[in-house]
Amino acid sequence: MNILIRGATVLTMEQPQPLLHNGEIIVEGQYITHVGPAGSVSPERTFDRVMDARGMLAMPGFVNCHTHAAMTLFRGYADDLPLMQWLQEKIWPVEERLEPEDVYWGTMLCCLEMIRSGTTTFADMYFHMDEAARAVEKAGLRASLSRGMIGLSPGAGEALDYSRRFIRDWHGRAGGRITTMLGPHAPYTCPPDFLNRVMEVAADLKVGIHIHIAETRAEIEEIRQKYGKTPVVLMDEVGLFEFPVLAAHCVHLNEDDIRILVEKKVGIAHNPESNMKLASGIAPVTRLLAAGALVGLGTDGAASNNNLDMMEEMRFAALLQKVATMDPTALAAFDALSMATANGARVLGLHDVGLLKPGYKADIILINLDQPHFYPRHDLVAHLVYAARSSDVETVIVDGRVVMEKRRVLTMDEEEVYHEVQKRSQRLVGTGL
């Protein structure tokens, strides 16, 4: 389908002039083929659709660099607990009861929430990933999917075999919207001998690795006691960083850790809200960026956030760095917005996502600017980071396909999703209204 979007204020995310007032965008198939000012498209051209976007801001869709999609099933189930107690006493026991169809519906709810809040791409690490992939294909989103693996588990070998088969089955599916990675959980659950096996598969299948690193002080201490070094140094010495790596959290880092992450071009997923809720700490984002690290934003799972709202994530990322450094200039609005879009895409290894630019995938959201919190119009970028709400997102296009228009999601039955999720979550945890 060919689409002309006309009359929008266009936020391309390209410096030095990221904003284009009264712009025009042409979408042809999966790609953006033109971005220009009003009148730049010949009036003689015909399109399958012309969208009147006056009063709207067109921008790239948000990129959620780290989540556990089907954990929407556990939203509100285990709140106000420290990470290890939360995992060991609440989350891991109930996850053992998960059935494949539970993951399908939990991921559908995740996709629904993401579409309605303007996220067009996400990275997921969880279980029963065939069902997660089926949900992504149905919902119309773009996703990097990995089967989570616990190397200390008796089923570690089976999980690795599953991952190998899953990658072969799903990498590049859904018209290229689905990509895959390997998902060893963390250094404290995946010892070096297991990671060596993971790296053999990564080399064979030519895929990257999605892993949690340096999330809590307890992890730092455990790795130090076992190996006499930090998790980052351990992963470097194991050889993990010779592969494309998506490292979630990276909260507790020293200067040597930061140097390694920069030198090895590790993509970092910063999860400010989850880190705050679990009291894991504040990642040194300003130091990472100053050193040249590649940092994106993630929500983590809905059980530890408790929503998947990337607008909130941007805001908290910026505000946390300001208060942590006692510097109000730390992590400026445009930098936070870049982490949520263009830089997030690079973290996931997607080099044609995250900008509104010819040759890039047509992942576009339209935001209704006719709201009290967008006035006066001093700085639209600042308004997006510090004032906007996810409910301001009116239309979402992914891969050239309209998946939400005028707040109506077109790829799924919302009531069916709500019904299935409520029924399944009550069976899993035994609570609910």
Protein backbone atom coordinates (compact mmCIF):
# COMPACT_ATOMS: atom_id res chain seq x y z
CA MET A 1 0.00 0.00 0.00
CA ASN A 2 1.15 3.55 -0.79
CA ILE A 3 0.29 6.19 1.81
CA LEU A 4 0.71 9.96 1.83
CA ILE A 5 0.79 11.55 5.29
CA ARG A 6 0.14 15.26 4.83
CA GLY A 7 0.16 18.31 7.11
CA ALA A 8 1.96 16.85 10.14
CA THR A 9 4.77 18.38 12.12
CA VAL A 10 7.47 15.82 11.34
CA LEU A 11 10.08 14.82 13.91
CA THR A 12 12.66 12.95 11.84
CA MET A 13 15.12 12.45 14.76
CA GLU A 14 17.92 13.54 12.42
CA GLN A 15 20.16 16.33 13.67
CA PRO A 16 20.77 19.25 13.24
CA GLN A 17 17.19 20.02 12.14
CA PRO A 18 15.01 17.23 13.49
CA LEU A 19 11.70 19.09 13.15
CA LEU A 20 9.88 19.84 9.90
CA HIS A 21 6.71 21.89 10.21
CA ASN A 22 3.82 21.14 7.86
CA GLY A 23 5.58 18.18 6.32
CA GLU A 24 4.72 15.35 3.95
CA ILE A 25 5.73 11.69 4.20
CA ILE A 26 5.33 9.03 1.52
CA VAL A 27 5.15 5.36 2.52
CA GLU A 28 5.53 2.78 -0.22
CA GLY A 29 5.21 -0.81 0.91
CA GLN A 30 7.36 -1.32 4.03
CA TYR A 31 9.49 1.79 3.51
CA ILE A 32 9.49 5.55 3.78
CA THR A 33 10.39 6.94 0.35
CA HIS A 34 9.96 10.68 0.88
CA VAL A 35 10.03 13.22 3.71
CA GLY A 36 9.70 16.87 2.78
CA PRO A 37 7.88 20.17 3.29
CA ALA A 38 4.33 20.88 2.19
CA GLY A 39 4.10 20.99 -1.60
CA SER A 40 7.11 18.74 -2.14
CA VAL A 41 4.89 15.90 -3.43
CA SER A 42 3.51 16.36 -6.93
CA PRO A 43 -0.26 16.96 -6.88
CA GLU A 44 -0.51 14.59 -9.84
CA ARG A 45 0.67 11.58 -7.79
CA THR A 46 -2.00 9.20 -6.62
CA PHE A 47 -1.98 7.16 -3.43
CA ASP A 48 -3.97 4.31 -1.97
CA ARG A 49 -4.47 6.44 1.13
CA VAL A 50 -4.00 10.10 2.00
CA MET A 51 -3.89 10.82 5.73
CA ASP A 52 -4.73 14.33 6.86
CA ALA A 53 -2.34 14.76 9.79
CA ARG A 54 -2.87 18.45 10.53
CA GLY A 55 -2.54 19.01 14.27
CA MET A 56 -0.45 15.87 14.58
CA LEU A 57 3.21 15.16 15.23
CA ALA A 58 4.66 12.36 13.08
CA MET A 59 7.69 10.64 14.59
CA PRO A 60 9.39 7.23 14.64
CA GLY A 61 7.70 4.60 16.76
CA PHE A 62 9.27 3.84 20.12
CA VAL A 63 11.74 0.97 20.51
CA ASN A 64 11.45 -0.98 23.77
CA CYS A 65 14.87 -2.62 24.13
CA HIS A 66 14.07 -5.04 26.94
CA THR A 67 10.94 -6.68 28.22
CA HIS A 68 9.37 -10.01 29.11
CA ALA A 69 6.15 -9.66 27.14
CA ALA A 70 3.95 -12.36 28.64
CA MET A 71 4.70 -11.17 32.17
CA THR A 72 1.70 -8.91 31.62
CA LEU A 73 -0.07 -11.95 33.14
CA PHE A 74 1.59 -11.12 36.49
CA ARG A 75 1.01 -7.36 36.53
CA GLY A 76 0.17 -6.40 40.12
CA TYR A 77 0.69 -9.92 41.45
CA ALA A 78 3.98 -9.51 43.31
CA ASP A 79 4.69 -5.88 44.09
CA ASP A 80 6.92 -4.14 46.63
CA LEU A 81 9.53 -6.89 46.97
CA PRO A 82 13.32 -6.97 46.38
CA LEU A 83 14.44 -8.61 43.13
CA MET A 84 15.66 -12.00 44.37
CA GLN A 85 12.72 -12.52 46.74
CA TRP A 86 10.38 -11.39 43.94
CA LEU A 87 11.94 -13.90 41.55
CA GLN A 88 12.48 -16.89 43.86
CA GLU A 89 9.31 -16.73 45.94
CA LYS A 90 6.78 -15.29 43.50
CA ILE A 91 7.73 -15.23 39.84
CA TRP A 92 9.72 -18.42 39.20
CA PRO A 93 7.22 -20.72 40.98
CA VAL A 94 4.24 -19.38 39.01
CA GLU A 95 6.19 -19.42 35.74
CA GLU A 96 6.57 -23.19 36.14
CA ARG A 97 2.79 -23.40 35.62
CA LEU A 98 2.84 -21.46 32.34
CA GLU A 99 1.34 -23.19 29.34
CA PRO A 100 2.18 -22.19 25.75
CA GLU A 101 -1.24 -20.63 25.15
CA ASP A 102 -0.78 -18.47 28.27
CA VAL A 103 2.30 -16.93 26.69
CA TYR A 104 0.39 -16.25 23.47
CA TRP A 105 -2.31 -14.27 25.26
CA GLY A 106 0.12 -12.55 27.63
CA THR A 107 2.15 -11.42 24.62
CA MET A 108 -1.01 -10.29 22.83
CA LEU A 109 -1.83 -8.07 25.82
CA CYS A 110 1.73 -6.73 25.73
CA CYS A 111 1.42 -5.96 22.02
CA LEU A 112 -1.94 -4.28 22.56
CA GLU A 113 -0.54 -2.06 25.30
CA MET A 114 2.53 -1.22 23.23
CA ILE A 115 0.53 -0.32 20.14
CA ARG A 116 -1.75 1.95 22.14
CA SER A 117 1.28 3.73 23.64
CA GLY A 118 3.26 4.13 20.41
CA THR A 119 5.83 1.33 20.65
CA THR A 120 6.44 -0.31 17.28
CA THR A 121 9.49 -2.49 18.10
CA PHE A 122 10.45 -4.48 21.19
CA ALA A 123 12.98 -7.03 22.43
CA ASP A 124 11.52 -9.95 24.36
CA MET A 125 13.13 -12.71 26.43
CA TYR A 126 10.77 -15.34 27.80
CA PHE A 127 9.46 -18.91 27.43
CA HIS A 128 7.30 -20.73 24.85
CA MET A 129 8.61 -18.29 22.28
CA ASP A 130 6.81 -19.89 19.33
CA GLU A 131 3.61 -18.56 20.90
CA ALA A 132 5.17 -15.14 21.50
CA ALA A 133 6.22 -15.04 17.84
CA ARG A 134 2.72 -16.04 16.77
CA ALA A 135 1.31 -13.13 18.79
CA VAL A 136 3.79 -10.66 17.30
CA GLU A 137 2.93 -11.86 13.80
CA LYS A 138 -0.79 -11.39 14.51
CA ALA A 139 -0.44 -8.00 16.23
CA GLY A 140 1.72 -6.52 13.48
CA LEU A 141 4.61 -5.29 15.62
CA ARG A 142 8.35 -5.63 15.03
CA ALA A 143 10.24 -7.72 17.61
CA SER A 144 13.56 -9.30 18.49
CA LEU A 145 12.71 -12.53 20.29
CA SER A 146 14.81 -14.82 22.48
CA ARG A 147 14.03 -17.86 24.60
CA GLY A 148 15.21 -17.20 28.17
CA MET A 149 17.64 -19.85 29.42
CA ILE A 150 18.80 -20.68 32.96
CA GLY A 151 22.16 -22.38 32.61
CA LEU A 152 22.00 -23.88 36.11
CA SER A 153 18.64 -25.50 35.42
CA PRO A 154 18.37 -29.25 34.70
CA GLY A 155 16.59 -28.26 31.49
CA ALA A 156 19.36 -25.97 30.21
CA GLY A 157 20.33 -28.26 27.36
CA GLU A 158 16.74 -28.64 26.26
CA ALA A 159 16.30 -24.84 26.36
CA LEU A 160 19.36 -24.38 24.16
CA ASP A 161 18.06 -26.97 21.67
CA TYR A 162 14.70 -25.16 21.66
CA SER A 163 16.48 -21.86 20.99
CA ARG A 164 18.38 -23.29 18.06
CA ARG A 165 15.20 -24.64 16.48
CA PHE A 166 13.23 -21.46 17.27
CA ILE A 167 15.84 -19.25 15.59
CA ARG A 168 15.84 -21.42 12.48
CA ASP A 169 12.04 -21.37 12.34
CA TRP A 170 11.35 -17.72 13.06
CA HIS A 171 14.32 -15.51 12.17
CA GLY A 172 13.17 -13.17 9.37
CA ARG A 173 9.52 -14.28 9.53
CA ALA A 174 6.48 -11.98 9.36
CA GLY A 175 7.94 -10.15 6.37
CA GLY A 176 11.17 -9.57 8.27
CA ARG A 177 9.47 -8.02 11.32
CA ILE A 178 10.62 -10.89 13.57
CA THR A 179 14.31 -11.31 14.32
CA THR A 180 15.80 -13.59 16.93
CA MET A 181 18.58 -13.78 19.51
CA LEU A 182 19.83 -16.23 22.11
CA GLY A 183 18.73 -15.45 25.67
CA PRO A 184 20.96 -16.69 28.50
CA HIS A 185 19.40 -15.11 31.58
CA ALA A 186 22.37 -13.63 33.47
CA PRO A 187 25.95 -14.34 34.61
CA TYR A 188 24.74 -15.61 37.99
CA THR A 189 22.35 -18.15 36.42
CA CYS A 190 24.46 -19.05 33.37
CA PRO A 191 28.02 -20.12 34.27
CA PRO A 192 30.88 -19.88 31.73
CA ASP A 193 30.61 -23.50 30.56
CA PHE A 194 26.98 -22.96 29.57
CA LEU A 195 27.78 -19.60 27.96
CA ASN A 196 30.43 -21.35 25.86
CA ARG A 197 27.69 -23.60 24.49
CA VAL A 198 25.49 -20.55 23.84
CA MET A 199 28.30 -18.85 21.93
CA GLU A 200 28.80 -21.95 19.77
CA VAL A 201 25.16 -21.74 18.70
CA ALA A 202 25.41 -17.97 18.18
CA ALA A 203 28.41 -18.47 15.89
CA ASP A 204 26.66 -21.24 14.00
CA LEU A 205 23.41 -19.32 13.46
CA LYS A 206 24.98 -15.84 13.22
CA VAL A 207 22.71 -14.23 15.82
CA GLY A 208 23.26 -11.99 18.82
CA ILE A 209 22.82 -12.56 22.54
CA HIS A 210 20.32 -10.92 24.93
CA ILE A 211 21.37 -11.11 28.60
CA HIS A 212 20.86 -9.33 31.95
CA ILE A 213 24.12 -7.91 33.32
CA ALA A 214 25.01 -6.08 36.56
CA GLU A 215 21.40 -5.51 37.61
CA THR A 216 21.81 -5.63 41.40
CA ARG A 217 24.47 -5.30 44.06
CA ALA A 218 23.71 -8.88 45.10
CA GLU A 219 24.69 -10.04 41.60
CA ILE A 220 27.92 -8.04 41.75
CA GLU A 221 28.83 -9.60 45.09
CA GLU A 222 27.93 -13.15 44.01
CA ILE A 223 30.06 -12.94 40.87
CA ARG A 224 32.92 -11.35 42.79
CA GLN A 225 32.88 -14.17 45.35
CA LYS A 226 32.76 -16.89 42.68
CA TYR A 227 35.13 -15.44 40.09
CA GLY A 228 36.95 -12.50 41.69
CA LYS A 229 35.76 -9.98 39.09
CA THR A 230 32.74 -7.99 37.95
CA PRO A 231 30.03 -9.49 35.72
CA VAL A 232 31.15 -7.28 32.82
CA VAL A 233 34.79 -8.39 33.10
CA LEU A 234 33.67 -12.01 33.42
CA MET A 235 31.54 -11.79 30.29
CA ASP A 236 34.39 -10.13 28.42
CA GLU A 237 36.86 -12.85 29.44
CA VAL A 238 34.37 -15.58 28.54
CA GLY A 239 34.21 -14.05 25.06
CA LEU A 240 30.53 -13.10 25.05
CA PHE A 241 31.23 -9.59 23.78
CA GLU A 242 32.78 -10.92 20.60
CA PHE A 243 29.14 -11.35 19.52
CA PRO A 244 26.46 -8.66 19.15
CA VAL A 245 25.16 -8.35 22.71
CA LEU A 246 22.05 -6.69 24.11
CA ALA A 247 22.86 -6.16 27.80
CA ALA A 248 19.86 -5.34 29.98
CA HIS A 249 20.23 -3.07 33.02
CA CYS A 250 24.00 -2.47 33.51
CA VAL A 251 23.23 -0.63 36.75
CA HIS A 252 26.36 -1.29 38.82
CA LEU A 253 29.40 -0.48 36.71
CA ASN A 254 32.90 0.76 37.44
CA GLU A 255 35.06 2.68 34.97
CA ASP A 256 36.72 -0.48 33.67
CA ASP A 257 33.28 -2.01 33.01
CA ILE A 258 32.23 1.08 31.06
CA ARG A 259 35.43 1.01 29.01
CA ILE A 260 34.83 -2.63 28.06
CA LEU A 261 31.19 -2.04 27.13
CA VAL A 262 32.19 0.86 24.89
CA GLU A 263 35.15 -0.89 23.27
CA LYS A 264 33.12 -4.03 22.55
CA LYS A 265 30.16 -1.99 21.24
CA VAL A 266 27.71 -3.68 23.61
CA GLY A 267 24.14 -2.42 23.27
CA ILE A 268 22.72 -1.44 26.66
CA ALA A 269 19.03 -1.47 27.60
CA HIS A 270 18.40 1.01 30.43
CA ASN A 271 15.24 0.21 32.44
CA PRO A 272 14.75 3.11 34.85
CA GLU A 273 11.24 2.37 36.15
CA SER A 274 11.86 -1.32 36.85
CA ASN A 275 15.20 -0.49 38.46
CA MET A 276 13.46 2.03 40.71
CA LYS A 277 10.56 -0.26 41.61
CA LEU A 278 12.86 -3.16 42.56
CA ALA A 279 15.34 -0.75 44.21
CA SER A 280 18.10 -2.13 41.99
CA GLY A 281 19.79 1.25 41.64
CA ILE A 282 20.38 3.97 39.06
CA ALA A 283 22.42 3.08 35.98
CA PRO A 284 25.24 5.57 35.22
CA VAL A 285 23.71 6.60 31.91
CA THR A 286 25.39 9.99 31.66
CA ARG A 287 28.81 8.39 32.20
CA LEU A 288 28.03 5.70 29.66
CA LEU A 289 26.94 8.22 27.05
CA ALA A 290 29.92 10.47 27.70
CA ALA A 291 32.20 7.48 27.13
CA GLY A 292 30.50 6.70 23.82
CA ALA A 293 28.31 3.76 24.85
CA LEU A 294 25.22 2.80 22.87
CA VAL A 295 22.23 3.04 25.21
CA GLY A 296 18.53 2.44 24.56
CA LEU A 297 15.49 2.27 26.82
CA GLY A 298 13.39 -0.66 27.97
CA THR A 299 10.43 -1.12 30.25
CA ASP A 300 11.34 -4.61 31.54
CA GLY A 301 8.30 -6.80 32.17
CA ALA A 302 4.92 -5.52 33.33
CA ALA A 303 5.33 -7.45 36.61
CA SER A 304 8.14 -5.12 37.66
CA ASN A 305 7.18 -1.77 36.14
CA ASN A 306 4.00 -2.12 35.97
CA ASN A 307 3.26 -0.73 32.51
CA LEU A 308 4.93 -0.75 29.10
CA ASP A 309 4.76 3.00 28.52
CA MET A 310 7.90 4.28 26.78
CA MET A 311 6.88 7.91 27.27
CA GLU A 312 7.07 7.37 31.02
CA GLU A 313 10.37 5.55 30.57
CA MET A 314 11.88 8.53 28.73
CA ARG A 315 10.73 10.92 31.41
CA PHE A 316 12.05 8.85 34.30
CA ALA A 317 15.34 8.22 32.49
CA ALA A 318 15.96 11.94 32.15
CA LEU A 319 14.78 12.89 35.64
CA LEU A 320 16.73 10.10 37.33
CA GLN A 321 20.00 11.18 35.77
CA LYS A 322 19.41 14.76 36.82
CA VAL A 323 18.78 13.88 40.45
CA ALA A 324 21.50 11.20 40.57
CA THR A 325 24.15 13.60 39.29
CA MET A 326 22.60 16.72 40.88
CA ASP A 327 22.95 18.29 37.43
CA PRO A 328 19.76 19.61 35.77
CA THR A 329 21.49 19.52 32.37
CA ALA A 330 22.13 15.76 32.55
CA LEU A 331 20.41 13.65 29.87
CA ALA A 332 18.69 16.38 27.87
CA ALA A 333 15.29 15.76 26.32
CA PHE A 334 16.54 15.02 22.80
CA ASP A 335 19.03 12.49 24.16
CA ALA A 336 16.29 10.68 26.07
CA LEU A 337 14.10 10.69 22.97
CA SER A 338 16.97 9.29 20.89
CA MET A 339 17.39 6.46 23.41
CA ALA A 340 13.70 5.64 22.93
CA THR A 341 13.87 5.65 19.12
CA ALA A 342 16.97 5.76 16.89
CA ASN A 343 19.52 4.61 19.46
CA GLY A 344 17.20 1.91 20.71
CA ALA A 345 16.97 0.53 17.18
CA ARG A 346 20.76 0.46 16.94
CA VAL A 347 20.95 -1.37 20.28
CA LEU A 348 18.82 -4.10 18.69
CA GLY A 349 20.98 -4.13 15.57
CA LEU A 350 18.22 -2.64 13.40
CA HIS A 351 19.88 -0.16 11.07
CA ASP A 352 16.82 0.89 9.05
CA VAL A 353 14.51 1.62 12.01
CA GLY A 354 14.25 4.64 14.31
CA LEU A 355 14.34 7.60 11.91
CA LEU A 356 11.81 9.15 9.55
CA LYS A 357 14.04 9.07 6.51
CA PRO A 358 13.83 7.65 2.97
CA GLY A 359 15.07 4.07 2.96
CA TYR A 360 13.98 3.44 6.55
CA LYS A 361 11.15 1.13 7.56
CA ALA A 362 7.78 2.87 7.80
CA ASP A 363 7.36 2.58 11.58
CA ILE A 364 5.54 5.84 12.27
CA ILE A 365 3.32 7.15 15.04
CA LEU A 366 1.03 10.19 14.92
CA ILE A 367 0.60 12.10 18.17
CA ASN A 368 -2.33 14.45 18.73
CA LEU A 369 -0.85 17.84 19.62
CA ASP A 370 -4.24 19.39 20.31
CA GLN A 371 -3.87 18.82 24.06
CA PRO A 372 -3.44 21.31 26.93
CA HIS A 373 -0.02 19.91 27.89
CA PHE A 374 1.41 20.67 24.43
CA TYR A 375 0.81 24.43 24.87
CA PRO A 376 2.54 26.83 24.61
CA ARG A 377 4.72 25.44 21.79
CA HIS A 378 8.12 26.47 23.10
CA ASP A 379 9.86 23.12 22.53
CA LEU A 380 8.02 20.08 21.15
CA VAL A 381 10.89 17.71 21.95
CA ALA A 382 10.83 18.79 25.59
CA HIS A 383 7.04 18.43 25.62
CA LEU A 384 7.33 14.84 24.35
CA VAL A 385 9.73 13.85 27.10
CA TYR A 386 8.40 15.87 30.02
CA ALA A 387 4.68 16.38 29.32
CA ALA A 388 3.27 13.93 26.76
CA ARG A 389 1.05 10.99 27.61
CA SER A 390 0.77 7.65 25.86
CA SER A 391 -2.92 8.34 25.24
CA ASP A 392 -1.84 11.17 22.92
CA VAL A 393 -0.82 8.54 20.34
CA GLU A 394 -3.60 8.48 17.73
CA THR A 395 -2.26 6.38 14.86
CA VAL A 396 0.43 3.70 14.61
CA ILE A 397 1.99 2.38 11.39
CA VAL A 398 4.39 -0.58 11.46
CA ASP A 399 6.22 -1.78 8.36
CA GLY A 400 3.90 0.36 6.25
CA ARG A 401 0.73 -1.17 7.72
CA VAL A 402 -1.73 0.84 9.82
CA VAL A 403 -2.20 -1.13 13.06
CA MET A 404 -4.02 1.60 15.04
CA GLU A 405 -6.04 4.51 13.73
CA LYS A 406 -7.84 7.11 15.83
CA ARG A 407 -7.04 5.03 18.95
CA ARG A 408 -8.68 1.89 17.50
CA VAL A 409 -6.37 -1.12 17.24
CA LEU A 410 -7.02 -2.88 13.94
CA THR A 411 -5.09 -6.14 14.35
CA MET A 412 -6.80 -7.76 17.33
CA ASP A 413 -10.01 -7.99 19.32
CA GLU A 414 -9.28 -6.06 22.52
CA GLU A 415 -12.15 -7.54 24.52
CA GLU A 416 -11.05 -11.07 23.63
CA VAL A 417 -7.52 -10.29 24.80
CA TYR A 418 -8.78 -8.92 28.13
CA HIS A 419 -11.03 -11.93 28.71
CA GLU A 420 -8.34 -14.51 27.96
CA VAL A 421 -5.68 -12.77 30.03
CA GLN A 422 -7.93 -12.39 33.07
CA LYS A 423 -9.00 -16.03 32.92
CA ARG A 424 -5.45 -17.34 32.50
CA SER A 425 -3.83 -15.09 35.09
CA GLN A 426 -6.38 -16.16 37.72
CA ARG A 427 -5.60 -19.82 37.00
CA LEU A 428 -1.87 -19.15 37.32
CA VAL A 429 -1.81 -17.13 40.53
CA GLY A 430 -5.18 -17.93 42.11
CA THR A 431 -6.20 -14.31 42.65
CA GLY A 432 -8.19 -11.66 40.80
CA LEU A 433 -11.52 -9.90 40.86
